[in-house]
Every structure is written in structure tokens, then in C-alpha cells.
């Protein structure tokens, strides 16, 4: 008796193909009543979170004029995740470290990656700023989320 089991000969990768179609034909070659039946097997590959976000620029150097007004957008961080579509490639941005440690000096929009000046700059007291920005994917399993960072 033949089982009709279907096996993979290699691992599937969503980024190489998210959908496959197989046509399976079963034949009975008895002499009295030969017959066959054909079915279509559709295989949808589920994306696994196998890629971490990567920033398009690393490191980033931003020059901010001292007279820049608070509320001005000064840079947009951009990262990409090679995972397919859905939560595994949706990114959220956050500031992981900042120096000086002033919460209101710079703000980062978690959805767009837009960095905004929160208060007036003074070159004499703060000649330079240091940030570590993280992009985190939104995998449904929080423990499986992957991230990338840029300074």
C-alpha cells in the first residue's frame, strides 16, 4: 500500500517563495476498472523571524545648528528587515542610550524613526550628543523579536 505522504527535500524559506502548488495524480491500474484522480495541493509558507533589522546608515553623524528651533525634525532613521510581510518586518524605533541623559533634548517617533529636537541647544554646555537607536521588529512572540542598533 502506498501512503501518498509528501516530504520536503530542502528547507523552505519564505523570502525565496511564499507559496507552492503541487498537482498530485493517483492512478489505479487494475485491468478491469482503471482510474485516476488528480488533486491540487496548495502550500503556503509561513514566515519565520530569521532576519534582524539593519539600518541603512551606520554610524550616523548629524550636525545640528545651534539656532535650530525646538520641534524641528533633524533626522530620520531608516532600517529594513528582510523578513517577508507582517509583524516580522514591521519596525519600531527607540532610543536605547543617550548622552547627555536628558529625556527632553531629543525625541524619536517610534513608528517613523523621525528624530526631533525637544529643546533649544547650547553649544557651550552641550557641544555634542551621543545616541544609540534601536529598531525592533514586532514578531508576535515577544521573545523571538530581533533588533538592530545604530550610533
Foldseek 3Di string as FASTA:
>chain_A
DDDPDDDDPDDDAVLVPQKDKDKDKDWDVDPPDTDMDIDIDIDGHDWDLPWAKDWPDAADDFDDDQPDAFFDFGDATDIFTSTDDDQSTQKFKDWPDKPPPDPQQWDAGRRTRTITGRHGDDCVVDVDMDTKMKIWGRPVPVVRIHIDIHD
